[in-house]
Amino acid sequence: MRLNRAGVPFVQMSMRTLTATLSAGCLALATSCGSSAPAEQAAPAPQAPVSSAPVASEPVATTPAKKPEPVRPTGDTINTHKVRWTKAKYVSKGRKLHLTWWSGVAPCSVLDRVKVKETRKRVTVTLYEGTAPKAKNTACIMIAVEKTTTVKLKSPLAKRKLVDGAKS
């Protein structure tokens, strides 16, 4: 008889034996989980009549109660990655964009930089977020915060297509 390092006998089973043993155990467990009530079943309880009157309910608010938190790029994050923005609003005759997106709380999720690439046909804006260096040993809570930042364009947006750089 072979012994393992702890001095316990080593049992060698074939795959069939192991499968059969596990199947039998599962079957025994499944059949023993039944009800201990007698085989006879009681008559079902009478149900309340169905009413056709409409049920009044309050509408559920799906928009956040607070306005988006304005943030500025810090430029020194770690674990930096692209983040998709959800809204873009043109201001200053199309020369500026207010971008809005969902993120985590600072210092765990902060805006690192905003990259803007302008061509004649389109403007691609990419947001980059990461963790602030001071949050290296901080426990980060998982709460969504709506954030916003303003981006200046070299020329007005006009008829150019606006593209989220994080989607491509």
N, C-alpha and C. Protein backbone atom coordinates (compact mmCIF):
# COMPACT_ATOMS: atom_id res chain seq x y z
N MET A 1 0.85 -1.17 0.00
CA MET A 1 0.00 0.00 0.00
C MET A 1 0.90 1.23 0.00
N ARG A 2 0.57 2.21 -0.89
CA ARG A 2 1.36 3.44 -0.95
C ARG A 2 0.80 4.45 0.03
N LEU A 3 1.68 5.26 0.63
CA LEU A 3 1.27 6.31 1.57
C LEU A 3 1.66 7.65 0.99
N ASN A 4 0.84 8.66 1.29
CA ASN A 4 1.21 10.00 0.85
C ASN A 4 2.13 10.63 1.88
N ARG A 5 2.49 11.89 1.72
CA ARG A 5 3.43 12.56 2.63
C ARG A 5 2.94 12.60 4.07
N ALA A 6 1.65 12.63 4.28
CA ALA A 6 1.09 12.70 5.62
C ALA A 6 0.94 11.32 6.24
N GLY A 7 1.32 10.27 5.52
CA GLY A 7 1.21 8.93 6.04
C GLY A 7 -0.16 8.31 5.87
N VAL A 8 -1.01 8.95 5.07
CA VAL A 8 -2.36 8.44 4.83
C VAL A 8 -2.31 7.55 3.60
N PRO A 9 -2.99 6.41 3.64
CA PRO A 9 -2.96 5.52 2.47
C PRO A 9 -3.48 6.23 1.22
N PHE A 10 -2.78 6.03 0.14
CA PHE A 10 -3.14 6.63 -1.14
C PHE A 10 -4.07 5.67 -1.85
N VAL A 11 -5.27 6.12 -2.18
CA VAL A 11 -6.26 5.28 -2.84
C VAL A 11 -6.30 5.68 -4.30
N GLN A 12 -6.14 4.72 -5.16
CA GLN A 12 -6.16 5.00 -6.59
C GLN A 12 -7.47 4.47 -7.15
N MET A 13 -8.26 5.37 -7.79
CA MET A 13 -9.54 4.99 -8.36
C MET A 13 -9.49 5.20 -9.86
N SER A 14 -10.23 4.38 -10.56
CA SER A 14 -10.36 4.62 -11.99
C SER A 14 -11.35 5.76 -12.19
N MET A 15 -11.34 6.35 -13.36
CA MET A 15 -12.25 7.45 -13.66
C MET A 15 -13.69 6.96 -13.61
N ARG A 16 -13.97 5.72 -14.04
CA ARG A 16 -15.32 5.18 -13.99
C ARG A 16 -15.81 5.05 -12.56
N THR A 17 -14.94 4.53 -11.70
CA THR A 17 -15.32 4.35 -10.30
C THR A 17 -15.61 5.70 -9.66
N LEU A 18 -14.76 6.68 -9.93
CA LEU A 18 -14.95 8.02 -9.37
C LEU A 18 -16.25 8.63 -9.88
N THR A 19 -16.52 8.52 -11.17
CA THR A 19 -17.74 9.08 -11.75
C THR A 19 -18.98 8.39 -11.17
N ALA A 20 -18.92 7.08 -11.04
CA ALA A 20 -20.06 6.33 -10.49
C ALA A 20 -20.30 6.72 -9.04
N THR A 21 -19.25 6.89 -8.27
CA THR A 21 -19.39 7.26 -6.86
C THR A 21 -19.99 8.65 -6.73
N LEU A 22 -19.49 9.60 -7.52
CA LEU A 22 -20.04 10.97 -7.47
C LEU A 22 -21.49 11.00 -7.93
N SER A 23 -21.82 10.24 -8.98
CA SER A 23 -23.20 10.21 -9.48
C SER A 23 -24.15 9.64 -8.43
N ALA A 24 -23.72 8.56 -7.77
CA ALA A 24 -24.56 7.96 -6.73
C ALA A 24 -24.77 8.93 -5.57
N GLY A 25 -23.73 9.64 -5.19
CA GLY A 25 -23.85 10.62 -4.11
C GLY A 25 -24.79 11.75 -4.47
N CYS A 26 -24.69 12.24 -5.70
CA CYS A 26 -25.59 13.32 -6.15
C CYS A 26 -27.03 12.85 -6.20
N LEU A 27 -27.24 11.63 -6.67
CA LEU A 27 -28.58 11.07 -6.73
C LEU A 27 -29.18 10.92 -5.34
N ALA A 28 -28.39 10.43 -4.40
CA ALA A 28 -28.86 10.28 -3.02
C ALA A 28 -29.19 11.63 -2.41
N LEU A 29 -28.36 12.61 -2.69
CA LEU A 29 -28.60 13.95 -2.16
C LEU A 29 -29.87 14.56 -2.76
N ALA A 30 -30.04 14.40 -4.07
CA ALA A 30 -31.20 14.98 -4.74
C ALA A 30 -32.50 14.34 -4.26
N THR A 31 -32.51 13.04 -4.06
CA THR A 31 -33.75 12.39 -3.64
C THR A 31 -34.05 12.59 -2.17
N SER A 32 -33.04 12.91 -1.38
CA SER A 32 -33.29 13.11 0.05
C SER A 32 -33.72 14.52 0.37
N CYS A 33 -33.69 15.41 -0.62
CA CYS A 33 -34.07 16.80 -0.37
C CYS A 33 -35.56 17.03 -0.55
N GLY A 34 -36.33 16.00 -0.71
CA GLY A 34 -37.77 16.14 -0.91
C GLY A 34 -38.46 16.55 0.38
N SER A 35 -39.74 16.76 0.27
CA SER A 35 -40.54 17.17 1.43
C SER A 35 -40.81 15.97 2.33
N SER A 36 -40.89 16.21 3.60
CA SER A 36 -41.20 15.14 4.54
C SER A 36 -42.71 15.06 4.79
N ALA A 37 -43.49 15.82 4.02
CA ALA A 37 -44.94 15.83 4.17
C ALA A 37 -45.51 14.54 3.60
N PRO A 38 -46.68 14.12 4.07
CA PRO A 38 -47.29 12.91 3.53
C PRO A 38 -47.58 13.06 2.04
N ALA A 39 -47.77 11.93 1.38
CA ALA A 39 -47.99 11.93 -0.06
C ALA A 39 -49.30 12.62 -0.43
N GLU A 40 -50.26 12.66 0.46
CA GLU A 40 -51.54 13.32 0.16
C GLU A 40 -51.33 14.82 0.16
N GLN A 41 -51.98 15.48 -0.76
CA GLN A 41 -51.84 16.92 -0.84
C GLN A 41 -53.14 17.57 -0.42
N ALA A 42 -53.01 18.67 0.29
CA ALA A 42 -54.19 19.41 0.73
C ALA A 42 -54.77 20.16 -0.46
N ALA A 43 -56.04 20.47 -0.39
CA ALA A 43 -56.70 21.23 -1.44
C ALA A 43 -56.09 22.63 -1.46
N PRO A 44 -55.91 23.21 -2.67
CA PRO A 44 -55.33 24.55 -2.75
C PRO A 44 -56.23 25.58 -2.07
N ALA A 45 -55.61 26.58 -1.49
CA ALA A 45 -56.35 27.65 -0.81
C ALA A 45 -57.10 28.46 -1.86
N PRO A 46 -58.30 28.94 -1.53
CA PRO A 46 -59.04 29.74 -2.49
C PRO A 46 -58.28 31.03 -2.78
N GLN A 47 -58.30 31.44 -4.04
CA GLN A 47 -57.60 32.65 -4.44
C GLN A 47 -58.55 33.83 -4.47
N ALA A 48 -57.98 35.01 -4.26
CA ALA A 48 -58.78 36.23 -4.29
C ALA A 48 -59.22 36.49 -5.73
N PRO A 49 -60.39 37.08 -5.92
CA PRO A 49 -60.85 37.36 -7.27
C PRO A 49 -59.92 38.36 -7.96
N VAL A 50 -59.80 38.21 -9.26
CA VAL A 50 -58.96 39.10 -10.04
C VAL A 50 -59.72 40.39 -10.28
N SER A 51 -59.04 41.51 -10.03
CA SER A 51 -59.66 42.82 -10.22
C SER A 51 -59.15 43.43 -11.51
N SER A 52 -60.00 44.10 -12.24
CA SER A 52 -59.58 44.74 -13.47
C SER A 52 -59.31 46.23 -13.25
N ALA A 53 -59.38 46.68 -12.01
CA ALA A 53 -59.12 48.10 -11.71
C ALA A 53 -57.62 48.37 -11.86
N PRO A 54 -57.26 49.49 -12.47
CA PRO A 54 -55.84 49.81 -12.64
C PRO A 54 -55.17 50.08 -11.29
N VAL A 55 -53.90 49.76 -11.22
CA VAL A 55 -53.12 49.99 -10.01
C VAL A 55 -52.36 51.29 -10.19
N ALA A 56 -52.50 52.20 -9.25
CA ALA A 56 -51.80 53.48 -9.31
C ALA A 56 -50.42 53.33 -8.70
N SER A 57 -49.42 53.89 -9.37
CA SER A 57 -48.07 53.86 -8.82
C SER A 57 -47.37 55.17 -9.14
N GLU A 58 -46.38 55.46 -8.35
CA GLU A 58 -45.60 56.68 -8.57
C GLU A 58 -44.56 56.41 -9.65
N PRO A 59 -44.29 57.40 -10.51
CA PRO A 59 -43.26 57.20 -11.54
C PRO A 59 -41.88 57.09 -10.87
N VAL A 60 -41.04 56.28 -11.45
CA VAL A 60 -39.69 56.10 -10.93
C VAL A 60 -38.75 57.04 -11.65
N ALA A 61 -38.00 57.81 -10.90
CA ALA A 61 -37.03 58.73 -11.50
C ALA A 61 -35.79 57.95 -11.90
N THR A 62 -35.39 58.06 -13.17
CA THR A 62 -34.21 57.34 -13.63
C THR A 62 -33.02 58.28 -13.85
N THR A 63 -33.24 59.55 -13.71
CA THR A 63 -32.14 60.49 -13.87
C THR A 63 -31.55 60.83 -12.51
N PRO A 64 -30.27 61.11 -12.45
CA PRO A 64 -29.66 61.43 -11.17
C PRO A 64 -30.19 62.74 -10.61
N ALA A 65 -30.25 62.83 -9.31
CA ALA A 65 -30.76 64.03 -8.65
C ALA A 65 -29.75 65.16 -8.71
N LYS A 66 -28.47 64.81 -8.70
CA LYS A 66 -27.42 65.83 -8.71
C LYS A 66 -26.95 66.12 -10.13
N LYS A 67 -26.38 67.30 -10.32
CA LYS A 67 -25.77 67.63 -11.60
C LYS A 67 -24.41 66.94 -11.68
N PRO A 68 -23.91 66.72 -12.89
CA PRO A 68 -22.61 66.09 -13.02
C PRO A 68 -21.51 66.89 -12.31
N GLU A 69 -20.55 66.18 -11.76
CA GLU A 69 -19.44 66.80 -11.05
C GLU A 69 -18.40 67.29 -12.06
N PRO A 70 -18.10 68.60 -12.08
CA PRO A 70 -17.10 69.11 -13.03
C PRO A 70 -15.69 68.71 -12.58
N VAL A 71 -14.90 68.19 -13.51
CA VAL A 71 -13.53 67.77 -13.20
C VAL A 71 -12.57 68.29 -14.26
N ARG A 72 -11.29 68.35 -13.88
CA ARG A 72 -10.22 68.75 -14.80
C ARG A 72 -9.18 67.66 -14.84
N PRO A 73 -8.50 67.52 -15.97
CA PRO A 73 -7.46 66.49 -16.07
C PRO A 73 -6.31 66.74 -15.08
N THR A 74 -5.80 65.64 -14.50
CA THR A 74 -4.69 65.74 -13.54
C THR A 74 -3.35 65.40 -14.20
N GLY A 75 -3.36 64.48 -15.15
CA GLY A 75 -2.16 64.15 -15.89
C GLY A 75 -1.17 63.24 -15.19
N ASP A 76 -1.51 62.66 -14.05
CA ASP A 76 -0.52 61.85 -13.34
C ASP A 76 -1.09 60.54 -12.81
N THR A 77 -2.06 59.96 -13.50
CA THR A 77 -2.72 58.77 -12.98
C THR A 77 -1.93 57.50 -13.29
N ILE A 78 -2.25 56.45 -12.55
CA ILE A 78 -1.71 55.13 -12.82
C ILE A 78 -2.86 54.25 -13.30
N ASN A 79 -2.54 53.17 -14.00
CA ASN A 79 -3.56 52.29 -14.59
C ASN A 79 -4.52 53.08 -15.48
N THR A 80 -3.97 53.93 -16.30
CA THR A 80 -4.76 54.81 -17.17
C THR A 80 -5.42 54.00 -18.30
N HIS A 81 -6.69 54.33 -18.56
CA HIS A 81 -7.45 53.64 -19.60
C HIS A 81 -8.47 54.58 -20.22
N LYS A 82 -8.95 54.21 -21.41
CA LYS A 82 -9.97 55.01 -22.10
C LYS A 82 -11.32 54.84 -21.42
N VAL A 83 -12.12 55.91 -21.44
CA VAL A 83 -13.47 55.88 -20.85
C VAL A 83 -14.44 56.47 -21.87
N ARG A 84 -15.57 55.80 -22.05
CA ARG A 84 -16.59 56.30 -22.98
C ARG A 84 -17.38 57.44 -22.35
N TRP A 85 -17.64 58.48 -23.12
CA TRP A 85 -18.51 59.54 -22.63
C TRP A 85 -19.92 59.29 -23.13
N THR A 86 -20.92 59.81 -22.38
CA THR A 86 -22.32 59.52 -22.70
C THR A 86 -23.03 60.68 -23.38
N LYS A 87 -22.58 61.91 -23.12
CA LYS A 87 -23.23 63.08 -23.72
C LYS A 87 -22.19 64.10 -24.12
N ALA A 88 -22.50 64.86 -25.15
CA ALA A 88 -21.67 65.97 -25.57
C ALA A 88 -22.59 67.14 -25.90
N LYS A 89 -22.32 68.29 -25.30
CA LYS A 89 -23.13 69.48 -25.55
C LYS A 89 -22.21 70.57 -26.10
N TYR A 90 -22.63 71.16 -27.22
CA TYR A 90 -21.82 72.20 -27.84
C TYR A 90 -22.11 73.54 -27.18
N VAL A 91 -21.08 74.29 -26.86
CA VAL A 91 -21.23 75.63 -26.28
C VAL A 91 -20.24 76.56 -26.97
N SER A 92 -20.37 77.84 -26.70
CA SER A 92 -19.51 78.86 -27.29
C SER A 92 -19.45 78.74 -28.82
N LYS A 93 -20.64 78.68 -29.44
CA LYS A 93 -20.77 78.60 -30.89
C LYS A 93 -20.02 77.40 -31.48
N GLY A 94 -20.02 76.28 -30.75
CA GLY A 94 -19.40 75.07 -31.24
C GLY A 94 -17.90 75.00 -31.02
N ARG A 95 -17.32 75.97 -30.35
CA ARG A 95 -15.87 75.95 -30.13
C ARG A 95 -15.49 75.19 -28.86
N LYS A 96 -16.48 74.87 -28.03
CA LYS A 96 -16.23 74.10 -26.81
C LYS A 96 -17.25 72.97 -26.72
N LEU A 97 -16.86 71.90 -26.05
CA LEU A 97 -17.75 70.77 -25.81
C LEU A 97 -17.79 70.48 -24.32
N HIS A 98 -19.00 70.30 -23.80
CA HIS A 98 -19.16 69.80 -22.43
C HIS A 98 -19.40 68.29 -22.56
N LEU A 99 -18.45 67.48 -22.10
CA LEU A 99 -18.57 66.03 -22.17
C LEU A 99 -19.00 65.50 -20.81
N THR A 100 -19.91 64.53 -20.83
CA THR A 100 -20.42 63.92 -19.60
C THR A 100 -20.23 62.42 -19.69
N TRP A 101 -19.84 61.79 -18.57
CA TRP A 101 -19.65 60.34 -18.51
C TRP A 101 -19.84 59.86 -17.09
N TRP A 102 -19.96 58.52 -16.94
CA TRP A 102 -20.09 57.90 -15.62
C TRP A 102 -18.74 57.34 -15.22
N SER A 103 -18.41 57.53 -13.94
CA SER A 103 -17.11 57.13 -13.43
C SER A 103 -17.23 56.73 -11.98
N GLY A 104 -16.08 56.45 -11.36
CA GLY A 104 -16.03 56.16 -9.93
C GLY A 104 -15.65 57.40 -9.15
N VAL A 105 -15.50 57.24 -7.83
CA VAL A 105 -15.17 58.37 -6.97
C VAL A 105 -13.67 58.63 -6.96
N ALA A 106 -13.29 59.88 -6.73
CA ALA A 106 -11.89 60.26 -6.60
C ALA A 106 -11.43 59.87 -5.19
N PRO A 107 -10.21 59.54 -5.00
CA PRO A 107 -9.05 59.52 -5.90
C PRO A 107 -8.90 58.21 -6.66
N CYS A 108 -9.87 57.32 -6.56
CA CYS A 108 -9.76 56.02 -7.23
C CYS A 108 -9.99 56.12 -8.73
N SER A 109 -10.82 57.04 -9.17
CA SER A 109 -11.09 57.27 -10.59
C SER A 109 -11.03 58.76 -10.85
N VAL A 110 -9.95 59.20 -11.51
CA VAL A 110 -9.80 60.62 -11.83
C VAL A 110 -9.47 60.77 -13.31
N LEU A 111 -9.81 61.91 -13.87
CA LEU A 111 -9.56 62.21 -15.27
C LEU A 111 -8.07 62.49 -15.45
N ASP A 112 -7.40 61.71 -16.28
CA ASP A 112 -5.98 61.89 -16.54
C ASP A 112 -5.76 62.94 -17.63
N ARG A 113 -6.39 62.72 -18.79
CA ARG A 113 -6.22 63.65 -19.91
C ARG A 113 -7.37 63.49 -20.89
N VAL A 114 -7.49 64.46 -21.80
CA VAL A 114 -8.48 64.42 -22.87
C VAL A 114 -7.71 64.63 -24.17
N LYS A 115 -7.86 63.68 -25.09
CA LYS A 115 -7.17 63.77 -26.37
C LYS A 115 -8.19 64.17 -27.43
N VAL A 116 -7.88 65.23 -28.20
CA VAL A 116 -8.77 65.72 -29.25
C VAL A 116 -8.04 65.65 -30.58
N LYS A 117 -8.62 64.97 -31.54
CA LYS A 117 -8.05 64.89 -32.89
C LYS A 117 -9.07 65.47 -33.85
N GLU A 118 -8.69 66.56 -34.51
CA GLU A 118 -9.60 67.26 -35.43
C GLU A 118 -9.16 67.08 -36.87
N THR A 119 -10.11 66.73 -37.73
CA THR A 119 -9.88 66.70 -39.17
C THR A 119 -10.99 67.52 -39.81
N ARG A 120 -10.97 67.61 -41.15
CA ARG A 120 -12.00 68.40 -41.84
C ARG A 120 -13.37 67.76 -41.70
N LYS A 121 -13.43 66.41 -41.57
CA LYS A 121 -14.72 65.73 -41.56
C LYS A 121 -15.19 65.31 -40.16
N ARG A 122 -14.26 65.17 -39.21
CA ARG A 122 -14.69 64.72 -37.89
C ARG A 122 -13.77 65.17 -36.78
N VAL A 123 -14.34 65.13 -35.56
CA VAL A 123 -13.61 65.46 -34.34
C VAL A 123 -13.71 64.24 -33.43
N THR A 124 -12.56 63.68 -33.06
CA THR A 124 -12.53 62.51 -32.19
C THR A 124 -12.03 62.96 -30.82
N VAL A 125 -12.85 62.72 -29.80
CA VAL A 125 -12.50 63.09 -28.43
C VAL A 125 -12.40 61.82 -27.60
N THR A 126 -11.26 61.63 -26.93
CA THR A 126 -11.02 60.45 -26.11
C THR A 126 -10.70 60.87 -24.69
N LEU A 127 -11.45 60.33 -23.74
CA LEU A 127 -11.19 60.58 -22.32
C LEU A 127 -10.34 59.45 -21.76
N TYR A 128 -9.37 59.82 -20.93
CA TYR A 128 -8.52 58.83 -20.26
C TYR A 128 -8.64 59.03 -18.75
N GLU A 129 -8.93 57.95 -18.04
CA GLU A 129 -9.03 57.97 -16.59
C GLU A 129 -8.06 56.99 -15.98
N GLY A 130 -7.78 57.19 -14.71
CA GLY A 130 -6.93 56.27 -13.97
C GLY A 130 -7.10 56.52 -12.48
N THR A 131 -6.16 55.99 -11.73
CA THR A 131 -6.17 56.13 -10.28
C THR A 131 -5.10 57.13 -9.88
N ALA A 132 -5.43 58.04 -8.98
CA ALA A 132 -4.45 59.01 -8.50
C ALA A 132 -3.36 58.27 -7.71
N PRO A 133 -2.10 58.71 -7.83
CA PRO A 133 -1.01 58.03 -7.12
C PRO A 133 -1.22 57.96 -5.61
N LYS A 134 -1.88 58.95 -5.03
CA LYS A 134 -2.09 58.95 -3.58
C LYS A 134 -3.10 57.90 -3.13
N ALA A 135 -3.82 57.27 -4.09
CA ALA A 135 -4.81 56.25 -3.75
C ALA A 135 -4.24 54.84 -3.87
N LYS A 136 -2.92 54.73 -3.90
CA LYS A 136 -2.28 53.43 -4.11
C LYS A 136 -2.71 52.38 -3.10
N ASN A 137 -2.81 52.71 -1.84
CA ASN A 137 -3.19 51.75 -0.79
C ASN A 137 -4.54 52.10 -0.18
N THR A 138 -5.44 52.63 -1.00
CA THR A 138 -6.76 53.04 -0.54
C THR A 138 -7.81 52.04 -1.00
N ALA A 139 -8.76 51.75 -0.12
CA ALA A 139 -9.90 50.91 -0.50
C ALA A 139 -10.87 51.77 -1.30
N CYS A 140 -11.23 51.33 -2.47
CA CYS A 140 -12.09 52.11 -3.36
C CYS A 140 -13.51 51.55 -3.32
N ILE A 141 -14.47 52.43 -3.05
CA ILE A 141 -15.86 52.01 -3.05
C ILE A 141 -16.40 52.06 -4.47
N MET A 142 -17.34 51.20 -4.77
CA MET A 142 -17.89 51.09 -6.12
C MET A 142 -19.20 51.87 -6.20
N ILE A 143 -19.09 53.17 -6.40
CA ILE A 143 -20.25 54.04 -6.55
C ILE A 143 -20.09 54.79 -7.86
N ALA A 144 -21.15 54.85 -8.65
CA ALA A 144 -21.09 55.58 -9.92
C ALA A 144 -21.34 57.06 -9.68
N VAL A 145 -20.51 57.88 -10.30
CA VAL A 145 -20.61 59.33 -10.20
C VAL A 145 -20.63 59.87 -11.63
N GLU A 146 -21.57 60.77 -11.91
CA GLU A 146 -21.60 61.39 -13.22
C GLU A 146 -20.65 62.58 -13.21
N LYS A 147 -19.73 62.63 -14.17
CA LYS A 147 -18.73 63.70 -14.23
C LYS A 147 -18.83 64.42 -15.56
N THR A 148 -18.29 65.64 -15.58
CA THR A 148 -18.28 66.43 -16.81
C THR A 148 -16.97 67.23 -16.89
N THR A 149 -16.54 67.49 -18.11
CA THR A 149 -15.38 68.34 -18.35
C THR A 149 -15.62 69.12 -19.63
N THR A 150 -14.90 70.22 -19.80
CA THR A 150 -15.05 71.07 -20.98
C THR A 150 -13.79 70.95 -21.84
N VAL A 151 -14.00 70.80 -23.14
CA VAL A 151 -12.91 70.65 -24.10
C VAL A 151 -12.98 71.78 -25.11
N LYS A 152 -11.85 72.43 -25.37
CA LYS A 152 -11.79 73.50 -26.38
C LYS A 152 -11.35 72.91 -27.71
N LEU A 153 -12.02 73.36 -28.78
CA LEU A 153 -11.67 72.92 -30.13
C LEU A 153 -10.89 74.01 -30.85
N LYS A 154 -10.06 73.61 -31.83
CA LYS A 154 -9.28 74.58 -32.60
C LYS A 154 -10.18 75.41 -33.49
N SER A 155 -11.22 74.74 -34.02
CA SER A 155 -12.19 75.45 -34.85
C SER A 155 -13.58 74.92 -34.50
N PRO A 156 -14.63 75.70 -34.80
CA PRO A 156 -15.99 75.26 -34.45
C PRO A 156 -16.31 73.89 -35.03
N LEU A 157 -17.15 73.15 -34.33
CA LEU A 157 -17.52 71.80 -34.75
C LEU A 157 -18.26 71.84 -36.09
N ALA A 158 -19.14 72.80 -36.26
CA ALA A 158 -19.94 72.98 -37.48
C ALA A 158 -20.58 71.66 -37.91
N LYS A 159 -20.33 71.20 -39.14
CA LYS A 159 -20.98 69.99 -39.65
C LYS A 159 -20.09 68.75 -39.51
N ARG A 160 -18.98 68.89 -38.80
CA ARG A 160 -18.11 67.73 -38.61
C ARG A 160 -18.76 66.72 -37.67
N LYS A 161 -18.44 65.46 -37.87
CA LYS A 161 -18.98 64.39 -37.06
C LYS A 161 -18.19 64.30 -35.76
N LEU A 162 -18.90 64.17 -34.63
CA LEU A 162 -18.27 64.02 -33.33
C LEU A 162 -18.19 62.55 -32.97
N VAL A 163 -16.99 62.06 -32.65
CA VAL A 163 -16.76 60.63 -32.41
C VAL A 163 -16.13 60.44 -31.03
N ASP A 164 -16.57 59.40 -30.32
CA ASP A 164 -15.99 59.02 -29.03
C ASP A 164 -14.79 58.11 -29.33
N GLY A 165 -13.59 58.55 -29.00
CA GLY A 165 -12.38 57.79 -29.27
C GLY A 165 -12.26 56.50 -28.48
N ALA A 166 -13.00 56.37 -27.38
CA ALA A 166 -12.95 55.15 -26.57
C ALA A 166 -13.76 54.02 -27.19
N LYS A 167 -14.63 54.32 -28.14
CA LYS A 167 -15.45 53.29 -28.77
C LYS A 167 -14.71 52.55 -29.87
N SER A 168 -13.68 53.15 -30.40
CA SER A 168 -12.97 52.48 -31.50
C SER A 168 -11.73 51.78 -31.04
